[in-house]
C-alpha atoms as a PDB file:
ATOM      1  CA  UNK A   1      38.292 -15.111  85.252  1.00  0.00           C
ATOM      2  CA  UNK A   2      41.990 -15.912  84.956  1.00  0.00           C
ATOM      3  CA  UNK A   3      41.718 -19.233  86.736  1.00  0.00           C
ATOM      4  CA  UNK A   4      42.204 -21.997  84.210  1.00  0.00           C
ATOM      5  CA  UNK A   5      44.019 -19.743  81.732  1.00  0.00           C
ATOM      6  CA  UNK A   6      47.389 -19.859  83.488  1.00  0.00           C
ATOM      7  CA  UNK A   7      49.227 -22.729  85.173  1.00  0.00           C
ATOM      8  CA  UNK A   8      49.024 -22.486  88.951  1.00  0.00           C
ATOM      9  CA  UNK A   9      51.027 -23.514  91.990  1.00  0.00           C
ATOM     10  CA  UNK A  10      50.334 -23.165  95.694  1.00  0.00           C
ATOM     11  CA  UNK A  11      52.602 -21.349  98.127  1.00  0.00           C
ATOM     12  CA  UNK A  12      51.301 -21.786 101.660  1.00  0.00           C
ATOM     13  CA  UNK A  13      47.631 -20.809 101.574  1.00  0.00           C
ATOM     14  CA  UNK A  14      48.015 -18.717  98.441  1.00  0.00           C
ATOM     15  CA  UNK A  15      47.463 -19.820  94.858  1.00  0.00           C
ATOM     16  CA  UNK A  16      50.097 -18.282  92.596  1.00  0.00           C
ATOM     17  CA  UNK A  17      49.525 -17.887  88.862  1.00  0.00           C
ATOM     18  CA  UNK A  18      52.523 -18.354  86.583  1.00  0.00           C
ATOM     19  CA  UNK A  19      52.866 -16.179  83.517  1.00  0.00           C
ATOM     20  CA  UNK A  20      55.411 -18.176  81.563  1.00  0.00           C
ATOM     21  CA  UNK A  21      55.364 -21.756  80.372  1.00  0.00           C
ATOM     22  CA  UNK A  22      57.497 -24.007  82.505  1.00  0.00           C
ATOM     23  CA  UNK A  23      56.299 -22.525  85.795  1.00  0.00           C
ATOM     24  CA  UNK A  24      58.750 -19.609  86.017  1.00  0.00           C
ATOM     25  CA  UNK A  25      57.553 -16.084  86.530  1.00  0.00           C
ATOM     26  CA  UNK A  26      59.106 -13.224  84.611  1.00  0.00           C
ATOM     27  CA  UNK A  27      60.910 -10.470  86.486  1.00  0.00           C
ATOM     28  CA  UNK A  28      59.108  -7.161  86.142  1.00  0.00           C
ATOM     29  CA  UNK A  29      60.132  -3.608  87.089  1.00  0.00           C
ATOM     30  CA  UNK A  30      58.163  -3.190  90.309  1.00  0.00           C
ATOM     31  CA  UNK A  31      58.278  -0.884  93.315  1.00  0.00           C
ATOM     32  CA  UNK A  32      56.691  -2.620  96.322  1.00  0.00           C
ATOM     33  CA  UNK A  33      57.039  -1.190  99.827  1.00  0.00           C
ATOM     34  CA  UNK A  34      60.304  -3.019 100.686  1.00  0.00           C
ATOM     35  CA  UNK A  35      61.926  -1.579  97.552  1.00  0.00           C
ATOM     36  CA  UNK A  36      60.857   1.956  98.453  1.00  0.00           C
ATOM     37  CA  UNK A  37      62.271   1.549 101.953  1.00  0.00           C
ATOM     38  CA  UNK A  38      65.600   0.561 100.404  1.00  0.00           C
ATOM     39  CA  UNK A  39      65.352   3.586  98.114  1.00  0.00           C
ATOM     40  CA  UNK A  40      64.759   5.801 101.158  1.00  0.00           C
ATOM     41  CA  UNK A  41      67.944   4.450 102.731  1.00  0.00           C
ATOM     42  CA  UNK A  42      69.967   4.774  99.528  1.00  0.00           C
ATOM     43  CA  UNK A  43      68.742   8.305  98.804  1.00  0.00           C
ATOM     44  CA  UNK A  44      69.545   9.511 102.312  1.00  0.00           C
ATOM     45  CA  UNK A  45      73.063   8.113 102.145  1.00  0.00           C
ATOM     46  CA  UNK A  46      73.586   9.429  98.610  1.00  0.00           C
ATOM     47  CA  UNK A  47      72.441  12.917  99.663  1.00  0.00           C
ATOM     48  CA  UNK A  48      74.948  12.892 102.525  1.00  0.00           C
ATOM     49  CA  UNK A  49      77.724  11.878 100.151  1.00  0.00           C
ATOM     50  CA  UNK A  50      76.768  14.657  97.733  1.00  0.00           C
ATOM     51  CA  UNK A  51      76.778  17.100 100.670  1.00  0.00           C
ATOM     52  CA  UNK A  52      80.299  16.183 101.789  1.00  0.00           C
ATOM     53  CA  UNK A  53      81.672  19.679 101.060  1.00  0.00           C
ATOM     54  CA  UNK A  54      79.091  21.411 103.236  1.00  0.00           C
ATOM     55  CA  UNK A  55      79.260  18.759 105.942  1.00  0.00           C
ATOM     56  CA  UNK A  56      83.038  19.062 106.302  1.00  0.00           C
ATOM     57  CA  UNK A  57      83.106  22.852 106.620  1.00  0.00           C
ATOM     58  CA  UNK A  58      79.862  23.526 108.481  1.00  0.00           C
ATOM     59  CA  UNK A  59      79.924  23.424 112.299  1.00  0.00           C
ATOM     60  CA  UNK A  60      76.178  22.804 112.387  1.00  0.00           C
ATOM     61  CA  UNK A  61      74.638  19.424 113.233  1.00  0.00           C
ATOM     62  CA  UNK A  62      73.826  17.546 110.055  1.00  0.00           C
ATOM     63  CA  UNK A  63      70.076  17.939 110.572  1.00  0.00           C
ATOM     64  CA  UNK A  64      70.467  21.737 110.519  1.00  0.00           C
ATOM     65  CA  UNK A  65      72.360  21.908 107.227  1.00  0.00           C
ATOM     66  CA  UNK A  66      70.833  23.139 103.991  1.00  0.00           C
ATOM     67  CA  UNK A  67      71.503  19.772 102.395  1.00  0.00           C
ATOM     68  CA  UNK A  68      69.366  18.041 105.005  1.00  0.00           C
ATOM     69  CA  UNK A  69      66.574  20.515 104.307  1.00  0.00           C
ATOM     70  CA  UNK A  70      66.873  19.757 100.603  1.00  0.00           C
ATOM     71  CA  UNK A  71      66.615  16.044 101.349  1.00  0.00           C
ATOM     72  CA  UNK A  72      63.465  16.546 103.398  1.00  0.00           C
ATOM     73  CA  UNK A  73      61.926  18.399 100.448  1.00  0.00           C
ATOM     74  CA  UNK A  74      62.753  15.444  98.222  1.00  0.00           C
ATOM     75  CA  UNK A  75      61.260  13.022 100.729  1.00  0.00           C
ATOM     76  CA  UNK A  76      57.998  14.914 101.178  1.00  0.00           C
ATOM     77  CA  UNK A  77      57.579  16.037  97.559  1.00  0.00           C
ATOM     78  CA  UNK A  78      58.710  12.889  95.749  1.00  0.00           C
ATOM     79  CA  UNK A  79      59.369   9.822  97.877  1.00  0.00           C
ATOM     80  CA  UNK A  80      56.231   9.966 100.006  1.00  0.00           C
ATOM     81  CA  UNK A  81      53.864  10.968  97.152  1.00  0.00           C
ATOM     82  CA  UNK A  82      55.093   7.991  95.125  1.00  0.00           C
ATOM     83  CA  UNK A  83      54.456   5.726  98.107  1.00  0.00           C
ATOM     84  CA  UNK A  84      51.002   7.243  98.601  1.00  0.00           C
ATOM     85  CA  UNK A  85      50.137   6.576  94.949  1.00  0.00           C
ATOM     86  CA  UNK A  86      50.938   2.875  95.235  1.00  0.00           C
ATOM     87  CA  UNK A  87      49.274   2.565  98.634  1.00  0.00           C
ATOM     88  CA  UNK A  88      46.043   4.314  97.660  1.00  0.00           C
ATOM     89  CA  UNK A  89      45.525   2.836  94.198  1.00  0.00           C
ATOM     90  CA  UNK A  90      47.261  -0.554  94.438  1.00  0.00           C
ATOM     91  CA  UNK A  91      47.674  -1.051  98.164  1.00  0.00           C
ATOM     92  CA  UNK A  92      47.333  -4.832  98.394  1.00  0.00           C
ATOM     93  CA  UNK A  93      49.925  -5.319  95.643  1.00  0.00           C
ATOM     94  CA  UNK A  94      52.145  -2.657  97.231  1.00  0.00           C
ATOM     95  CA  UNK A  95      52.108  -4.598 100.502  1.00  0.00           C
ATOM     96  CA  UNK A  96      52.764  -7.895  98.681  1.00  0.00           C
ATOM     97  CA  UNK A  97      49.272  -9.200  99.485  1.00  0.00           C
ATOM     98  CA  UNK A  98      50.346  -9.736 103.086  1.00  0.00           C
ATOM     99  CA  UNK A  99      47.940  -7.229 104.648  1.00  0.00           C
ATOM    100  CA  UNK A 100      44.470  -6.091 103.623  1.00  0.00           C
ATOM    101  CA  UNK A 101      44.862  -2.351 103.067  1.00  0.00           C
ATOM    102  CA  UNK A 102      41.202  -1.761 103.916  1.00  0.00           C
ATOM    103  CA  UNK A 103      41.873  -2.891 107.474  1.00  0.00           C
ATOM    104  CA  UNK A 104      44.698  -0.400 108.037  1.00  0.00           C
ATOM    105  CA  UNK A 105      43.521   2.798 109.813  1.00  0.00           C
ATOM    106  CA  UNK A 106      44.364   6.017 107.980  1.00  0.00           C
ATOM    107  CA  UNK A 107      46.300   7.284 111.001  1.00  0.00           C
ATOM    108  CA  UNK A 108      48.526   4.208 110.933  1.00  0.00           C
ATOM    109  CA  UNK A 109      49.180   4.680 107.218  1.00  0.00           C
ATOM    110  CA  UNK A 110      50.070   8.339 107.810  1.00  0.00           C
ATOM    111  CA  UNK A 111      52.536   7.365 110.528  1.00  0.00           C
ATOM    112  CA  UNK A 112      54.016   4.819 108.124  1.00  0.00           C
ATOM    113  CA  UNK A 113      54.627   7.444 105.442  1.00  0.00           C
ATOM    114  CA  UNK A 114      56.272   9.784 107.949  1.00  0.00           C
ATOM    115  CA  UNK A 115      58.386   6.879 109.196  1.00  0.00           C
ATOM    116  CA  UNK A 116      59.524   6.232 105.631  1.00  0.00           C
ATOM    117  CA  UNK A 117      60.753   9.828 105.357  1.00  0.00           C
ATOM    118  CA  UNK A 118      62.300   9.444 108.794  1.00  0.00           C
ATOM    119  CA  UNK A 119      64.208   6.402 107.628  1.00  0.00           C
ATOM    120  CA  UNK A 120      65.729   8.422 104.811  1.00  0.00           C
ATOM    121  CA  UNK A 121      66.518  11.278 107.194  1.00  0.00           C
ATOM    122  CA  UNK A 122      68.282   8.910 109.594  1.00  0.00           C
ATOM    123  CA  UNK A 123      70.242   7.492 106.671  1.00  0.00           C
ATOM    124  CA  UNK A 124      71.310  11.037 105.768  1.00  0.00           C
ATOM    125  CA  UNK A 125      72.457  11.778 109.314  1.00  0.00           C
ATOM    126  CA  UNK A 126      74.347   8.495 109.542  1.00  0.00           C
ATOM    127  CA  UNK A 127      75.925   9.150 106.161  1.00  0.00           C
ATOM    128  CA  UNK A 128      76.854  12.651 107.332  1.00  0.00           C
ATOM    129  CA  UNK A 129      78.560  11.169 110.400  1.00  0.00           C
ATOM    130  CA  UNK A 130      80.542   8.822 108.160  1.00  0.00           C
ATOM    131  CA  UNK A 131      81.541  11.669 105.829  1.00  0.00           C
ATOM    132  CA  UNK A 132      82.674  13.887 108.686  1.00  0.00           C
ATOM    133  CA  UNK A 133      84.744  11.052 110.111  1.00  0.00           C
ATOM    134  CA  UNK A 134      86.511  10.380 106.798  1.00  0.00           C
ATOM    135  CA  UNK A 135      84.574   7.160 106.236  1.00  0.00           C
ATOM    136  CA  UNK A 136      82.830   8.206 103.074  1.00  0.00           C
ATOM    137  CA  UNK A 137      83.630   4.916 101.340  1.00  0.00           C
ATOM    138  CA  UNK A 138      81.498   3.062 103.892  1.00  0.00           C
ATOM    139  CA  UNK A 139      78.584   5.340 103.029  1.00  0.00           C
ATOM    140  CA  UNK A 140      79.112   4.592  99.338  1.00  0.00           C
ATOM    141  CA  UNK A 141      79.124   0.853  99.999  1.00  0.00           C
ATOM    142  CA  UNK A 142      75.973   1.030 102.120  1.00  0.00           C
ATOM    143  CA  UNK A 143      74.163   3.139  99.518  1.00  0.00           C
ATOM    144  CA  UNK A 144      75.141   0.643  96.822  1.00  0.00           C
ATOM    145  CA  UNK A 145      73.905  -2.271  98.917  1.00  0.00           C
ATOM    146  CA  UNK A 146      70.593  -0.481  99.486  1.00  0.00           C
ATOM    147  CA  UNK A 147      70.189   0.156  95.750  1.00  0.00           C
ATOM    148  CA  UNK A 148      70.843  -3.474  94.912  1.00  0.00           C
ATOM    149  CA  UNK A 149      68.510  -4.459  97.733  1.00  0.00           C
ATOM    150  CA  UNK A 150      65.708  -2.403  96.179  1.00  0.00           C
ATOM    151  CA  UNK A 151      66.078  -4.327  92.935  1.00  0.00           C
ATOM    152  CA  UNK A 152      66.905  -7.672  94.515  1.00  0.00           C
ATOM    153  CA  UNK A 153      63.635  -7.783  96.407  1.00  0.00           C
ATOM    154  CA  UNK A 154      61.652  -7.958  93.162  1.00  0.00           C
ATOM    155  CA  UNK A 155      62.776 -11.401  91.949  1.00  0.00           C
ATOM    156  CA  UNK A 156      62.587 -12.707  95.523  1.00  0.00           C
ATOM    157  CA  UNK A 157      58.843 -12.005  95.663  1.00  0.00           C
ATOM    158  CA  UNK A 158      58.073 -12.103  91.939  1.00  0.00           C
ATOM    159  CA  UNK A 159      55.133 -14.476  92.443  1.00  0.00           C
ATOM    160  CA  UNK A 160      53.347 -11.715  94.327  1.00  0.00           C
ATOM    161  CA  UNK A 161      54.191  -8.915  91.915  1.00  0.00           C
ATOM    162  CA  UNK A 162      53.379 -10.280  88.480  1.00  0.00           C
ATOM    163  CA  UNK A 163      49.602 -10.299  89.045  1.00  0.00           C
ATOM    164  CA  UNK A 164      47.553  -7.268  90.081  1.00  0.00           C
ATOM    165  CA  UNK A 165      44.345  -7.312  92.088  1.00  0.00           C
ATOM    166  CA  UNK A 166      42.994  -7.257  95.612  1.00  0.00           C
ATOM    167  CA  UNK A 167      44.158  -9.507  98.406  1.00  0.00           C
ATOM    168  CA  UNK A 168      40.903 -11.490  98.084  1.00  0.00           C
ATOM    169  CA  UNK A 169      41.515 -12.015  94.354  1.00  0.00           C
ATOM    170  CA  UNK A 170      45.101 -13.027  94.977  1.00  0.00           C
ATOM    171  CA  UNK A 171      44.217 -15.595  97.629  1.00  0.00           C
ATOM    172  CA  UNK A 172      41.249 -16.905  95.680  1.00  0.00           C
ATOM    173  CA  UNK A 173      43.057 -16.845  92.306  1.00  0.00           C
ATOM    174  CA  UNK A 174      40.329 -15.003  90.411  1.00  0.00           C
ATOM    175  CA  UNK A 175      40.023 -11.726  88.550  1.00  0.00           C
ATOM    176  CA  UNK A 176      43.746 -10.987  88.589  1.00  0.00           C
ATOM    177  CA  UNK A 177      45.398  -8.968  85.820  1.00  0.00           C
ATOM    178  CA  UNK A 178      48.942  -9.513  84.492  1.00  0.00           C
ATOM    179  CA  UNK A 179      51.172  -6.711  85.756  1.00  0.00           C
ATOM    180  CA  UNK A 180      52.482  -5.702  82.331  1.00  0.00           C
ATOM    181  CA  UNK A 181      48.936  -5.379  80.971  1.00  0.00           C
ATOM    182  CA  UNK A 182      47.636  -3.338  83.903  1.00  0.00           C
ATOM    183  CA  UNK A 183      47.311   0.348  84.666  1.00  0.00           C
ATOM    184  CA  UNK A 184      49.779  -0.298  87.480  1.00  0.00           C
ATOM    185  CA  UNK A 185      52.535  -1.058  84.953  1.00  0.00           C
ATOM    186  CA  UNK A 186      52.200   2.385  83.370  1.00  0.00           C
ATOM    187  CA  UNK A 187      51.890   3.950  86.787  1.00  0.00           C
ATOM    188  CA  UNK A 188      55.062   2.219  87.949  1.00  0.00           C
ATOM    189  CA  UNK A 189      56.992   3.523  84.950  1.00  0.00           C
ATOM    190  CA  UNK A 190      55.701   7.053  85.539  1.00  0.00           C
ATOM    191  CA  UNK A 191      56.384   7.029  89.278  1.00  0.00           C
ATOM    192  CA  UNK A 192      59.798   5.493  88.677  1.00  0.00           C
ATOM    193  CA  UNK A 193      60.762   8.258  86.248  1.00  0.00           C
ATOM    194  CA  UNK A 194      59.521  10.938  88.662  1.00  0.00           C
ATOM    195  CA  UNK A 195      61.480   9.426  91.549  1.00  0.00           C
ATOM    196  CA  UNK A 196      64.694   9.047  89.541  1.00  0.00           C
ATOM    197  CA  UNK A 197      64.533  12.587  88.136  1.00  0.00           C
ATOM    198  CA  UNK A 198      63.765  14.017  91.572  1.00  0.00           C
ATOM    199  CA  UNK A 199      66.713  12.161  93.104  1.00  0.00           C
ATOM    200  CA  UNK A 200      69.068  13.274  90.332  1.00  0.00           C
ATOM    201  CA  UNK A 201      67.878  16.854  90.801  1.00  0.00           C
ATOM    202  CA  UNK A 202      68.408  16.612  94.555  1.00  0.00           C
ATOM    203  CA  UNK A 203      71.954  15.278  94.275  1.00  0.00           C
ATOM    204  CA  UNK A 204      72.889  17.803  91.587  1.00  0.00           C
ATOM    205  CA  UNK A 205      71.509  20.687  93.643  1.00  0.00           C
ATOM    206  CA  UNK A 206      73.350  19.610  96.792  1.00  0.00           C
ATOM    207  CA  UNK A 207      76.597  19.014  94.910  1.00  0.00           C
ATOM    208  CA  UNK A 208      76.514  22.361  93.085  1.00  0.00           C
ATOM    209  CA  UNK A 209      75.591  24.205  96.273  1.00  0.00           C
ATOM    210  CA  UNK A 210      78.599  22.690  98.003  1.00  0.00           C
ATOM    211  CA  UNK A 211      80.901  23.686  95.168  1.00  0.00           C
ATOM    212  CA  UNK A 212      79.725  27.289  95.311  1.00  0.00           C
ATOM    213  CA  UNK A 213      80.579  27.421  99.015  1.00  0.00           C
ATOM    214  CA  UNK A 214      84.001  25.817  98.522  1.00  0.00           C
END
């Protein structure tokens, strides 16, 4: 039982447990759903920017280019699996304790994962349109905003991210585990490294492929 060991405060109907003296919660490296959606946007735009050489010389629609195919591979082999990991093993935390994961039908969750990949694909196509219309700088700005948005969400909802448990534990303030002492912390670091390396590999592959065609 954590209740009684940490100072508490109430936000709406939820009891929030503070980790630090003085009532302020520490900022932790977390990847909740809103952050991953921002990453989907940023990765799609970044892939389009990296594919500028192919996009400017190819007469094909952006969704028929090799770079778009490479992005879809990234989405389905890296982005979605990372999301599935958080959803399956730490779903209530992943959804910021706003929805009970057990009440979400599997079909709805599957549609959500596909929609996440679709969001990245739409970002790629929009970025491709900007690149082809000599507005690449706008794509860069939007990708940067999305990246900062992914990180900026964490301190905005830090009260919901620093403790790990089920939605019932969160609302009842019992049995919660500090994020940095949980399995989720190590999982977040691992998934984060996988996602970053996969994105770097994607951008490098697209960029080098474009150079070979130039």
